[in-house]
Amino acid sequence: MAVRTRIVTLTKRSDFLAANRGQRIAMPGFVLQVRPRGDDDSVVRVGYTVTKKIGNAVVRNRMKRRLRALARDHIARCGIAGADHVLIGRAGGVERDFAMLSDELARALRKAAK
């Protein structure tokens, strides 16, 4: 069984803006932003963003639930220790098959680790 690290959710706007200056990996259902914090803390932090362009509140909340499930599955195992990860939902992510989203996140995390 793979080792799971503790995930902390980003809440401050400044953390999201800092992650925006990091590496950006675009996938069809979402965009992953990764930025090492540079501190000695190995906690993986994750933030979620879904804008109103995606749809109404019901659609946005559904997309956020999907992103949180993806983060629990993949970022807990394969996330970069000591880095902030931000998942930004895209319009196609709500209708996209969850298994495809899962594969895309695994691929994006591998790309970010290089």
PDB file of N, CA and C in Angstrom:
ATOM      1  N   MET A   1       0.839  -1.183   0.000  1.00  0.00           N
ATOM      2  CA  MET A   1       0.000   0.000   0.000  1.00  0.00           C
ATOM      3  C   MET A   1       0.877   1.237   0.000  1.00  0.00           C
ATOM      4  N   ALA A   2       0.485   2.225  -0.789  1.00  0.00           N
ATOM      5  CA  ALA A   2       1.268   3.454  -0.913  1.00  0.00           C
ATOM      6  C   ALA A   2       1.113   4.310   0.337  1.00  0.00           C
ATOM      7  N   VAL A   3       2.132   5.078   0.606  1.00  0.00           N
ATOM      8  CA  VAL A   3       2.122   5.968   1.764  1.00  0.00           C
ATOM      9  C   VAL A   3       1.310   7.207   1.419  1.00  0.00           C
ATOM     10  N   ARG A   4       0.392   7.563   2.303  1.00  0.00           N
ATOM     11  CA  ARG A   4      -0.421   8.761   2.088  1.00  0.00           C
ATOM     12  C   ARG A   4       0.069   9.865   3.011  1.00  0.00           C
ATOM     13  N   THR A   5       0.239  11.042   2.442  1.00  0.00           N
ATOM     14  CA  THR A   5       0.645  12.186   3.237  1.00  0.00           C
ATOM     15  C   THR A   5      -0.585  12.976   3.634  1.00  0.00           C
ATOM     16  N   ARG A   6      -0.402  13.850   4.590  1.00  0.00           N
ATOM     17  CA  ARG A   6      -1.498  14.676   5.074  1.00  0.00           C
ATOM     18  C   ARG A   6      -1.736  15.814   4.088  1.00  0.00           C
ATOM     19  N   ILE A   7      -2.993  16.053   3.763  1.00  0.00           N
ATOM     20  CA  ILE A   7      -3.366  17.133   2.846  1.00  0.00           C
ATOM     21  C   ILE A   7      -4.031  18.242   3.651  1.00  0.00           C
ATOM     22  N   VAL A   8      -3.588  19.473   3.406  1.00  0.00           N
ATOM     23  CA  VAL A   8      -4.186  20.657   4.020  1.00  0.00           C
ATOM     24  C   VAL A   8      -4.781  21.492   2.899  1.00  0.00           C
ATOM     25  N   THR A   9      -5.971  22.036   3.110  1.00  0.00           N
ATOM     26  CA  THR A   9      -6.645  22.831   2.093  1.00  0.00           C
ATOM     27  C   THR A   9      -6.199  24.286   2.162  1.00  0.00           C
ATOM     28  N   LEU A  10      -5.921  24.847   0.992  1.00  0.00           N
ATOM     29  CA  LEU A  10      -5.573  26.262   0.906  1.00  0.00           C
ATOM     30  C   LEU A  10      -6.828  27.099   1.115  1.00  0.00           C
ATOM     31  N   THR A  11      -6.705  28.163   1.886  1.00  0.00           N
ATOM     32  CA  THR A  11      -7.853  29.034   2.111  1.00  0.00           C
ATOM     33  C   THR A  11      -7.537  30.506   1.832  1.00  0.00           C
ATOM     34  N   LYS A  12      -6.277  30.916   1.927  1.00  0.00           N
ATOM     35  CA  LYS A  12      -5.926  32.322   1.754  1.00  0.00           C
ATOM     36  C   LYS A  12      -5.715  32.664   0.285  1.00  0.00           C
ATOM     37  N   ARG A  13      -6.203  33.817  -0.097  1.00  0.00           N
ATOM     38  CA  ARG A  13      -6.045  34.272  -1.474  1.00  0.00           C
ATOM     39  C   ARG A  13      -4.572  34.392  -1.840  1.00  0.00           C
ATOM     40  N   SER A  14      -3.741  34.817  -0.916  1.00  0.00           N
ATOM     41  CA  SER A  14      -2.314  34.986  -1.205  1.00  0.00           C
ATOM     42  C   SER A  14      -1.655  33.652  -1.570  1.00  0.00           C
ATOM     43  N   ASP A  15      -2.111  32.556  -0.977  1.00  0.00           N
ATOM     44  CA  ASP A  15      -1.577  31.236  -1.325  1.00  0.00           C
ATOM     45  C   ASP A  15      -1.954  30.844  -2.753  1.00  0.00           C
ATOM     46  N   PHE A  16      -3.188  31.175  -3.164  1.00  0.00           N
ATOM     47  CA  PHE A  16      -3.623  30.890  -4.524  1.00  0.00           C
ATOM     48  C   PHE A  16      -2.832  31.728  -5.531  1.00  0.00           C
ATOM     49  N   LEU A  17      -2.592  33.000  -5.198  1.00  0.00           N
ATOM     50  CA  LEU A  17      -1.825  33.866  -6.082  1.00  0.00           C
ATOM     51  C   LEU A  17      -0.379  33.391  -6.191  1.00  0.00           C
ATOM     52  N   ALA A  18       0.182  32.904  -5.099  1.00  0.00           N
ATOM     53  CA  ALA A  18       1.543  32.378  -5.130  1.00  0.00           C
ATOM     54  C   ALA A  18       1.611  31.128  -6.008  1.00  0.00           C
ATOM     55  N   ALA A  19       0.619  30.264  -5.905  1.00  0.00           N
ATOM     56  CA  ALA A  19       0.589  29.047  -6.722  1.00  0.00           C
ATOM     57  C   ALA A  19       0.441  29.392  -8.200  1.00  0.00           C
ATOM     58  N   ASN A  20      -0.205  30.512  -8.490  1.00  0.00           N
ATOM     59  CA  ASN A  20      -0.379  30.941  -9.870  1.00  0.00           C
ATOM     60  C   ASN A  20       0.950  31.284 -10.531  1.00  0.00           C
ATOM     61  N   ARG A  21       1.958  31.619  -9.740  1.00  0.00           N
ATOM     62  CA  ARG A  21       3.282  31.922 -10.279  1.00  0.00           C
ATOM     63  C   ARG A  21       4.117  30.664 -10.506  1.00  0.00           C
ATOM     64  N   GLY A  22       3.582  29.513 -10.139  1.00  0.00           N
ATOM     65  CA  GLY A  22       4.317  28.254 -10.273  1.00  0.00           C
ATOM     66  C   GLY A  22       4.079  27.582 -11.616  1.00  0.00           C
ATOM     67  N   GLN A  23       4.356  26.298 -11.634  1.00  0.00           N
ATOM     68  CA  GLN A  23       4.201  25.481 -12.834  1.00  0.00           C
ATOM     69  C   GLN A  23       2.727  25.239 -13.120  1.00  0.00           C
ATOM     70  N   ARG A  24       2.358  25.274 -14.400  1.00  0.00           N
ATOM     71  CA  ARG A  24       0.965  25.101 -14.806  1.00  0.00           C
ATOM     72  C   ARG A  24       0.886  23.966 -15.820  1.00  0.00           C
ATOM     73  N   ILE A  25       0.044  22.970 -15.520  1.00  0.00           N
ATOM     74  CA  ILE A  25      -0.149  21.833 -16.419  1.00  0.00           C
ATOM     75  C   ILE A  25      -1.629  21.780 -16.786  1.00  0.00           C
ATOM     76  N   ALA A  26      -1.924  22.001 -18.064  1.00  0.00           N
ATOM     77  CA  ALA A  26      -3.310  22.031 -18.527  1.00  0.00           C
ATOM     78  C   ALA A  26      -3.722  20.657 -19.040  1.00  0.00           C
ATOM     79  N   MET A  27      -4.863  20.219 -18.595  1.00  0.00           N
ATOM     80  CA  MET A  27      -5.488  18.986 -19.052  1.00  0.00           C
ATOM     81  C   MET A  27      -6.900  19.332 -19.530  1.00  0.00           C
ATOM     82  N   PRO A  28      -7.562  18.449 -20.267  1.00  0.00           N
ATOM     83  CA  PRO A  28      -8.896  18.782 -20.790  1.00  0.00           C
ATOM     84  C   PRO A  28      -9.936  19.098 -19.706  1.00  0.00           C
ATOM     85  N   GLY A  29      -9.867  18.452 -18.550  1.00  0.00           N
ATOM     86  CA  GLY A  29     -10.890  18.656 -17.529  1.00  0.00           C
ATOM     87  C   GLY A  29     -10.508  19.632 -16.435  1.00  0.00           C
ATOM     88  N   PHE A  30      -9.237  19.977 -16.334  1.00  0.00           N
ATOM     89  CA  PHE A  30      -8.774  20.858 -15.262  1.00  0.00           C
ATOM     90  C   PHE A  30      -7.389  21.397 -15.592  1.00  0.00           C
ATOM     91  N   VAL A  31      -6.947  22.351 -14.791  1.00  0.00           N
ATOM     92  CA  VAL A  31      -5.580  22.859 -14.857  1.00  0.00           C
ATOM     93  C   VAL A  31      -4.965  22.620 -13.486  1.00  0.00           C
ATOM     94  N   LEU A  32      -3.761  22.077 -13.459  1.00  0.00           N
ATOM     95  CA  LEU A  32      -3.046  21.847 -12.211  1.00  0.00           C
ATOM     96  C   LEU A  32      -1.916  22.861 -12.106  1.00  0.00           C
ATOM     97  N   GLN A  33      -1.896  23.589 -10.999  1.00  0.00           N
ATOM     98  CA  GLN A  33      -0.803  24.507 -10.716  1.00  0.00           C
ATOM     99  C   GLN A  33      -0.031  23.947  -9.529  1.00  0.00           C
ATOM    100  N   VAL A  34       1.298  23.917  -9.659  1.00  0.00           N
ATOM    101  CA  VAL A  34       2.145  23.387  -8.593  1.00  0.00           C
ATOM    102  C   VAL A  34       3.263  24.385  -8.335  1.00  0.00           C
ATOM    103  N   ARG A  35       3.456  24.714  -7.065  1.00  0.00           N
ATOM    104  CA  ARG A  35       4.538  25.624  -6.691  1.00  0.00           C
ATOM    105  C   ARG A  35       5.147  25.174  -5.373  1.00  0.00           C
ATOM    106  N   PRO A  36       6.439  24.818  -5.375  1.00  0.00           N
ATOM    107  CA  PRO A  36       7.110  24.488  -4.107  1.00  0.00           C
ATOM    108  C   PRO A  36       7.141  25.720  -3.214  1.00  0.00           C
ATOM    109  N   ARG A  37       6.851  25.524  -1.930  1.00  0.00           N
ATOM    110  CA  ARG A  37       6.797  26.645  -0.996  1.00  0.00           C
ATOM    111  C   ARG A  37       8.174  27.115  -0.562  1.00  0.00           C
ATOM    112  N   GLY A  38       9.122  26.216  -0.482  1.00  0.00           N
ATOM    113  CA  GLY A  38      10.459  26.608  -0.070  1.00  0.00           C
ATOM    114  C   GLY A  38      10.663  26.612   1.432  1.00  0.00           C
ATOM    115  N   ASP A  39       9.653  26.211   2.187  1.00  0.00           N
ATOM    116  CA  ASP A  39       9.848  26.078   3.630  1.00  0.00           C
ATOM    117  C   ASP A  39      10.222  24.627   3.938  1.00  0.00           C
ATOM    118  N   ASP A  40      10.484  24.340   5.178  1.00  0.00           N
ATOM    119  CA  ASP A  40      10.910  22.991   5.551  1.00  0.00           C
ATOM    120  C   ASP A  40       9.740  22.082   5.901  1.00  0.00           C
ATOM    121  N   ASP A  41       8.524  22.532   5.656  1.00  0.00           N
ATOM    122  CA  ASP A  41       7.331  21.752   5.960  1.00  0.00           C
ATOM    123  C   ASP A  41       7.021  20.839   4.777  1.00  0.00           C
ATOM    124  N   SER A  42       6.844  19.545   5.035  1.00  0.00           N
ATOM    125  CA  SER A  42       6.585  18.594   3.949  1.00  0.00           C
ATOM    126  C   SER A  42       5.095  18.361   3.702  1.00  0.00           C
ATOM    127  N   VAL A  43       4.242  19.162   4.323  1.00  0.00           N
ATOM    128  CA  VAL A  43       2.796  19.006   4.150  1.00  0.00           C
ATOM    129  C   VAL A  43       2.410  19.393   2.727  1.00  0.00           C
ATOM    130  N   VAL A  44       1.549  18.607   2.121  1.00  0.00           N
ATOM    131  CA  VAL A  44       1.019  18.894   0.792  1.00  0.00           C
ATOM    132  C   VAL A  44      -0.237  19.731   0.976  1.00  0.00           C
ATOM    133  N   ARG A  45      -0.272  20.894   0.325  1.00  0.00           N
ATOM    134  CA  ARG A  45      -1.447  21.751   0.412  1.00  0.00           C
ATOM    135  C   ARG A  45      -2.150  21.785  -0.938  1.00  0.00           C
ATOM    136  N   VAL A  46      -3.482  21.774  -0.897  1.00  0.00           N
ATOM    137  CA  VAL A  46      -4.290  21.708  -2.118  1.00  0.00           C
ATOM    138  C   VAL A  46      -5.375  22.770  -2.058  1.00  0.00           C
ATOM    139  N   GLY A  47      -5.584  23.434  -3.186  1.00  0.00           N
ATOM    140  CA  GLY A  47      -6.668  24.399  -3.319  1.00  0.00           C
ATOM    141  C   GLY A  47      -7.511  24.057  -4.529  1.00  0.00           C
ATOM    142  N   TYR A  48      -8.761  24.499  -4.515  1.00  0.00           N
ATOM    143  CA  TYR A  48      -9.702  24.184  -5.593  1.00  0.00           C
ATOM    144  C   TYR A  48     -10.342  25.488  -6.057  1.00  0.00           C
ATOM    145  N   THR A  49     -10.424  25.666  -7.373  1.00  0.00           N
ATOM    146  CA  THR A  49     -11.048  26.852  -7.937  1.00  0.00           C
ATOM    147  C   THR A  49     -11.948  26.429  -9.088  1.00  0.00           C
ATOM    148  N   VAL A  50     -13.194  26.883  -9.036  1.00  0.00           N
ATOM    149  CA  VAL A  50     -14.134  26.665 -10.130  1.00  0.00           C
ATOM    150  C   VAL A  50     -14.884  27.978 -10.310  1.00  0.00           C
ATOM    151  N   THR A  51     -14.741  28.593 -11.481  1.00  0.00           N
ATOM    152  CA  THR A  51     -15.326  29.909 -11.704  1.00  0.00           C
ATOM    153  C   THR A  51     -16.764  29.812 -12.196  1.00  0.00           C
ATOM    154  N   LYS A  52     -17.425  30.949 -12.240  1.00  0.00           N
ATOM    155  CA  LYS A  52     -18.810  30.998 -12.693  1.00  0.00           C
ATOM    156  C   LYS A  52     -18.963  30.704 -14.171  1.00  0.00           C
ATOM    157  N   LYS A  53     -17.852  30.751 -14.911  1.00  0.00           N
ATOM    158  CA  LYS A  53     -17.918  30.416 -16.336  1.00  0.00           C
ATOM    159  C   LYS A  53     -18.282  28.947 -16.542  1.00  0.00           C
ATOM    160  N   ILE A  54     -18.031  28.122 -15.533  1.00  0.00           N
ATOM    161  CA  ILE A  54     -18.310  26.689 -15.630  1.00  0.00           C
ATOM    162  C   ILE A  54     -19.814  26.428 -15.608  1.00  0.00           C
ATOM    163  N   GLY A  55     -20.536  27.178 -14.801  1.00  0.00           N
ATOM    164  CA  GLY A  55     -21.978  26.966 -14.710  1.00  0.00           C
ATOM    165  C   GLY A  55     -22.540  27.553 -13.431  1.00  0.00           C
ATOM    166  N   ASN A  56     -23.760  27.156 -13.108  1.00  0.00           N
ATOM    167  CA  ASN A  56     -24.399  27.667 -11.901  1.00  0.00           C
ATOM    168  C   ASN A  56     -23.815  26.986 -10.653  1.00  0.00           C
ATOM    169  N   ALA A  57     -24.336  27.319  -9.497  1.00  0.00           N
ATOM    170  CA  ALA A  57     -23.779  26.826  -8.232  1.00  0.00           C
ATOM    171  C   ALA A  57     -23.814  25.305  -8.143  1.00  0.00           C
ATOM    172  N   VAL A  58     -24.855  24.689  -8.664  1.00  0.00           N
ATOM    173  CA  VAL A  58     -24.961  23.235  -8.615  1.00  0.00           C
ATOM    174  C   VAL A  58     -23.829  22.588  -9.411  1.00  0.00           C
ATOM    175  N   VAL A  59     -23.581  23.102 -10.593  1.00  0.00           N
ATOM    176  CA  VAL A  59     -22.526  22.559 -11.456  1.00  0.00           C
ATOM    177  C   VAL A  59     -21.153  22.818 -10.833  1.00  0.00           C
ATOM    178  N   ARG A  60     -20.940  24.036 -10.306  1.00  0.00           N
ATOM    179  CA  ARG A  60     -19.647  24.361  -9.689  1.00  0.00           C
ATOM    180  C   ARG A  60     -19.374  23.472  -8.483  1.00  0.00           C
ATOM    181  N   ASN A  61     -20.377  23.251  -7.656  1.00  0.00           N
ATOM    182  CA  ASN A  61     -20.189  22.392  -6.476  1.00  0.00           C
ATOM    183  C   ASN A  61     -19.916  20.950  -6.882  1.00  0.00           C
ATOM    184  N   ARG A  62     -20.573  20.483  -7.925  1.00  0.00           N
ATOM    185  CA  ARG A  62     -20.316  19.119  -8.402  1.00  0.00           C
ATOM    186  C   ARG A  62     -18.875  18.993  -8.890  1.00  0.00           C
ATOM    187  N   MET A  63     -18.383  20.014  -9.601  1.00  0.00           N
ATOM    188  CA  MET A  63     -17.011  20.001 -10.082  1.00  0.00           C
ATOM    189  C   MET A  63     -16.032  20.029  -8.910  1.00  0.00           C
ATOM    190  N   LYS A  64     -16.315  20.825  -7.900  1.00  0.00           N
ATOM    191  CA  LYS A  64     -15.428  20.872  -6.723  1.00  0.00           C
ATOM    192  C   LYS A  64     -15.402  19.536  -5.993  1.00  0.00           C
ATOM    193  N   ARG A  65     -16.542  18.869  -5.911  1.00  0.00           N
ATOM    194  CA  ARG A  65     -16.570  17.543  -5.282  1.00  0.00           C
ATOM    195  C   ARG A  65     -15.718  16.562  -6.065  1.00  0.00           C
ATOM    196  N   ARG A  66     -15.781  16.634  -7.385  1.00  0.00           N
ATOM    197  CA  ARG A  66     -14.955  15.747  -8.219  1.00  0.00           C
ATOM    198  C   ARG A  66     -13.466  16.057  -8.018  1.00  0.00           C
ATOM    199  N   LEU A  67     -13.115  17.328  -7.954  1.00  0.00           N
ATOM    200  CA  LEU A  67     -11.710  17.705  -7.757  1.00  0.00           C
ATOM    201  C   LEU A  67     -11.208  17.251  -6.386  1.00  0.00           C
ATOM    202  N   ARG A  68     -12.041  17.383  -5.358  1.00  0.00           N
ATOM    203  CA  ARG A  68     -11.637  16.926  -4.019  1.00  0.00           C
ATOM    204  C   ARG A  68     -11.430  15.416  -3.992  1.00  0.00           C
ATOM    205  N   ALA A  69     -12.291  14.668  -4.686  1.00  0.00           N
ATOM    206  CA  ALA A  69     -12.127  13.212  -4.748  1.00  0.00           C
ATOM    207  C   ALA A  69     -10.842  12.843  -5.479  1.00  0.00           C
ATOM    208  N   LEU A  70     -10.539  13.549  -6.551  1.00  0.00           N
ATOM    209  CA  LEU A  70      -9.290  13.307  -7.275  1.00  0.00           C
ATOM    210  C   LEU A  70      -8.081  13.589  -6.380  1.00  0.00           C
ATOM    211  N   ALA A  71      -8.152  14.680  -5.632  1.00  0.00           N
ATOM    212  CA  ALA A  71      -7.036  15.040  -4.746  1.00  0.00           C
ATOM    213  C   ALA A  71      -6.829  13.984  -3.668  1.00  0.00           C
ATOM    214  N   ARG A  72      -7.917  13.474  -3.107  1.00  0.00           N
ATOM    215  CA  ARG A  72      -7.787  12.423  -2.088  1.00  0.00           C
ATOM    216  C   ARG A  72      -7.121  11.185  -2.664  1.00  0.00           C
ATOM    217  N   ASP A  73      -7.470  10.851  -3.911  1.00  0.00           N
ATOM    218  CA  ASP A  73      -6.933   9.643  -4.539  1.00  0.00           C
ATOM    219  C   ASP A  73      -5.481   9.804  -4.971  1.00  0.00           C
ATOM    220  N   HIS A  74      -5.152  10.928  -5.596  1.00  0.00           N
ATOM    221  CA  HIS A  74      -3.847  11.041  -6.250  1.00  0.00           C
ATOM    222  C   HIS A  74      -2.865  11.950  -5.535  1.00  0.00           C
ATOM    223  N   ILE A  75      -3.301  13.131  -5.128  1.00  0.00           N
ATOM    224  CA  ILE A  75      -2.351  14.075  -4.540  1.00  0.00           C
ATOM    225  C   ILE A  75      -1.867  13.572  -3.189  1.00  0.00           C
ATOM    226  N   ALA A  76      -2.710  12.847  -2.477  1.00  0.00           N
ATOM    227  CA  ALA A  76      -2.270  12.271  -1.199  1.00  0.00           C
ATOM    228  C   ALA A  76      -1.137  11.272  -1.408  1.00  0.00           C
ATOM    229  N   ARG A  77      -1.151  10.549  -2.533  1.00  0.00           N
ATOM    230  CA  ARG A  77      -0.112   9.553  -2.815  1.00  0.00           C
ATOM    231  C   ARG A  77       1.057  10.136  -3.591  1.00  0.00           C
ATOM    232  N   CYS A  78       0.761  10.899  -4.642  1.00  0.00           N
ATOM    233  CA  CYS A  78       1.792  11.300  -5.609  1.00  0.00           C
ATOM    234  C   CYS A  78       2.094  12.792  -5.600  1.00  0.00           C
ATOM    235  N   GLY A  79       1.482  13.535  -4.693  1.00  0.00           N
ATOM    236  CA  GLY A  79       1.723  14.972  -4.652  1.00  0.00           C
ATOM    237  C   GLY A  79       3.153  15.287  -4.251  1.00  0.00           C
ATOM    238  N   ILE A  80       3.619  16.447  -4.630  1.00  0.00           N
ATOM    239  CA  ILE A  80       4.973  16.871  -4.330  1.00  0.00           C
ATOM    240  C   ILE A  80       5.001  17.413  -2.906  1.00  0.00           C
ATOM    241  N   ALA A  81       5.826  16.792  -2.062  1.00  0.00           N
ATOM    242  CA  ALA A  81       5.915  17.203  -0.657  1.00  0.00           C
ATOM    243  C   ALA A  81       6.466  18.617  -0.573  1.00  0.00           C
ATOM    244  N   GLY A  82       5.873  19.429   0.302  1.00  0.00           N
ATOM    245  CA  GLY A  82       6.329  20.796   0.490  1.00  0.00           C
ATOM    246  C   GLY A  82       5.895  21.736  -0.617  1.00  0.00           C
ATOM    247  N   ALA A  83       4.868  21.359  -1.384  1.00  0.00           N
ATOM    248  CA  ALA A  83       4.396  22.197  -2.484  1.00  0.00           C
ATOM    249  C   ALA A  83       2.903  22.467  -2.344  1.00  0.00           C
ATOM    250  N   ASP A  84       2.485  23.566  -2.961  1.00  0.00           N
ATOM    251  CA  ASP A  84       1.066  23.886  -3.047  1.00  0.00           C
ATOM    252  C   ASP A  84       0.551  23.425  -4.397  1.00  0.00           C
ATOM    253  N   HIS A  85      -0.584  22.761  -4.397  1.00  0.00           N
ATOM    254  CA  HIS A  85      -1.231  22.284  -5.617  1.00  0.00           C
ATOM    255  C   HIS A  85      -2.582  22.984  -5.709  1.00  0.00           C
ATOM    256  N   VAL A  86      -2.907  23.542  -6.860  1.00  0.00           N
ATOM    257  CA  VAL A  86      -4.217  24.154  -7.077  1.00  0.00           C
ATOM    258  C   VAL A  86      -4.842  23.492  -8.293  1.00  0.00           C
ATOM    259  N   LEU A  87      -6.051  22.977  -8.113  1.00  0.00           N
ATOM    260  CA  LEU A  87      -6.815  22.380  -9.206  1.00  0.00           C
ATOM    261  C   LEU A  87      -7.881  23.376  -9.647  1.00  0.00           C
ATOM    262  N   ILE A  88      -7.833  23.756 -10.913  1.00  0.00           N
ATOM    263  CA  ILE A  88      -8.792  24.702 -11.470  1.00  0.00           C
ATOM    264  C   ILE A  88      -9.686  23.939 -12.427  1.00  0.00           C
ATOM    265  N   GLY A  89     -10.980  23.921 -12.135  1.00  0.00           N
ATOM    266  CA  GLY A  89     -11.923  23.193 -12.978  1.00  0.00           C
ATOM    267  C   GLY A  89     -12.134  23.884 -14.308  1.00  0.00           C
ATOM    268  N   ARG A  90     -12.256  23.082 -15.363  1.00  0.00           N
ATOM    269  CA  ARG A  90     -12.557  23.594 -16.694  1.00  0.00           C
ATOM    270  C   ARG A  90     -13.941  23.129 -17.106  1.00  0.00           C
ATOM    271  N   ALA A  91     -14.470  23.772 -18.133  1.00  0.00           N
ATOM    272  CA  ALA A  91     -15.851  23.522 -18.548  1.00  0.00           C
ATOM    273  C   ALA A  91     -16.112  22.063 -18.884  1.00  0.00           C
ATOM    274  N   GLY A  92     -15.173  21.371 -19.489  1.00  0.00           N
ATOM    275  CA  GLY A  92     -15.394  19.982 -19.872  1.00  0.00           C
ATOM    276  C   GLY A  92     -15.262  18.993 -18.732  1.00  0.00           C
ATOM    277  N   GLY A  93     -14.826  19.440 -17.580  1.00  0.00           N
ATOM    278  CA  GLY A  93     -14.566  18.530 -16.471  1.00  0.00           C
ATOM    279  C   GLY A  93     -15.790  17.941 -15.816  1.00  0.00           C
ATOM    280  N   VAL A  94     -16.911  18.618 -15.903  1.00  0.00           N
ATOM    281  CA  VAL A  94     -18.117  18.122 -15.245  1.00  0.00           C
ATOM    282  C   VAL A  94     -18.678  16.921 -15.992  1.00  0.00           C
ATOM    283  N   GLU A  95     -18.671  16.985 -17.319  1.00  0.00           N
ATOM    284  CA  GLU A  95     -19.225  15.885 -18.115  1.00  0.00           C
ATOM    285  C   GLU A  95     -18.209  14.775 -18.350  1.00  0.00           C
ATOM    286  N   ARG A  96     -16.948  15.050 -18.118  1.00  0.00           N
ATOM    287  CA  ARG A  96     -15.882  14.096 -18.406  1.00  0.00           C
ATOM    288  C   ARG A  96     -15.967  12.888 -17.470  1.00  0.00           C
ATOM    289  N   ASP A  97     -15.643  11.724 -17.995  1.00  0.00           N
ATOM    290  CA  ASP A  97     -15.647  10.497 -17.215  1.00  0.00           C
ATOM    291  C   ASP A  97     -14.635  10.614 -16.070  1.00  0.00           C
ATOM    292  N   PHE A  98     -15.020  10.178 -14.883  1.00  0.00           N
ATOM    293  CA  PHE A  98     -14.152  10.323 -13.711  1.00  0.00           C
ATOM    294  C   PHE A  98     -12.854   9.533 -13.871  1.00  0.00           C
ATOM    295  N   ALA A  99     -12.906   8.382 -14.511  1.00  0.00           N
ATOM    296  CA  ALA A  99     -11.689   7.591 -14.733  1.00  0.00           C
ATOM    297  C   ALA A  99     -10.716   8.334 -15.635  1.00  0.00           C
ATOM    298  N   MET A 100     -11.237   9.047 -16.612  1.00  0.00           N
ATOM    299  CA  MET A 100     -10.363   9.847 -17.482  1.00  0.00           C
ATOM    300  C   MET A 100      -9.730  10.990 -16.699  1.00  0.00           C
ATOM    301  N   LEU A 101     -10.524  11.652 -15.863  1.00  0.00           N
ATOM    302  CA  LEU A 101      -9.977  12.721 -15.022  1.00  0.00           C
ATOM    303  C   LEU A 101      -8.886  12.182 -14.107  1.00  0.00           C
ATOM    304  N   SER A 102      -9.113  11.001 -13.576  1.00  0.00           N
ATOM    305  CA  SER A 102      -8.139  10.380 -12.687  1.00  0.00           C
ATOM    306  C   SER A 102      -6.827  10.101 -13.414  1.00  0.00           C
ATOM    307  N   ASP A 103      -6.924   9.562 -14.617  1.00  0.00           N
ATOM    308  CA  ASP A 103      -5.727   9.300 -15.419  1.00  0.00           C
ATOM    309  C   ASP A 103      -5.001  10.595 -15.768  1.00  0.00           C
ATOM    310  N   GLU A 104      -5.772  11.633 -16.085  1.00  0.00           N
ATOM    311  CA  GLU A 104      -5.170  12.917 -16.437  1.00  0.00           C
ATOM    312  C   GLU A 104      -4.440  13.534 -15.246  1.00  0.00           C
ATOM    313  N   LEU A 105      -5.011  13.408 -14.051  1.00  0.00           N
ATOM    314  CA  LEU A 105      -4.338  13.957 -12.871  1.00  0.00           C
ATOM    315  C   LEU A 105      -3.062  13.186 -12.573  1.00  0.00           C
ATOM    316  N   ALA A 106      -3.100  11.875 -12.713  1.00  0.00           N
ATOM    317  CA  ALA A 106      -1.882  11.086 -12.502  1.00  0.00           C
ATOM    318  C   ALA A 106      -0.796  11.499 -13.491  1.00  0.00           C
ATOM    319  N   ARG A 107      -1.186  11.722 -14.741  1.00  0.00           N
ATOM    320  CA  ARG A 107      -0.234  12.153 -15.760  1.00  0.00           C
ATOM    321  C   ARG A 107       0.300  13.556 -15.464  1.00  0.00           C
ATOM    322  N   ALA A 108      -0.576  14.459 -15.016  1.00  0.00           N
ATOM    323  CA  ALA A 108      -0.159  15.822 -14.691  1.00  0.00           C
ATOM    324  C   ALA A 108       0.809  15.839 -13.504  1.00  0.00           C
ATOM    325  N   LEU A 109       0.554  14.992 -12.503  1.00  0.00           N
ATOM    326  CA  LEU A 109       1.455  14.934 -11.343  1.00  0.00           C
ATOM    327  C   LEU A 109       2.820  14.373 -11.728  1.00  0.00           C
ATOM    328  N   ARG A 110       2.830  13.386 -12.619  1.00  0.00           N
ATOM    329  CA  ARG A 110       4.122  12.868 -13.106  1.00  0.00           C
ATOM    330  C   ARG A 110       4.890  13.940 -13.852  1.00  0.00           C
ATOM    331  N   LYS A 111       4.177  14.724 -14.663  1.00  0.00           N
ATOM    332  CA  LYS A 111       4.810  15.802 -15.421  1.00  0.00           C
ATOM    333  C   LYS A 111       5.345  16.884 -14.479  1.00  0.00           C
ATOM    334  N   ALA A 112       4.605  17.179 -13.425  1.00  0.00           N
ATOM    335  CA  ALA A 112       5.028  18.212 -12.471  1.00  0.00           C
ATOM    336  C   ALA A 112       6.224  17.759 -11.650  1.00  0.00           C
ATOM    337  N   ALA A 113       6.362  16.465 -11.429  1.00  0.00           N
ATOM    338  CA  ALA A 113       7.460  15.952 -10.617  1.00  0.00           C
ATOM    339  C   ALA A 113       8.788  16.001 -11.348  1.00  0.00           C
ATOM    340  N   LYS A 114       8.761  16.117 -12.660  1.00  0.00           N
ATOM    341  CA  LYS A 114      10.014  16.152 -13.438  1.00  0.00           C
ATOM    342  C   LYS A 114      10.746  17.459 -13.273  1.00  0.00           C
TER     343      LYS A 114
END
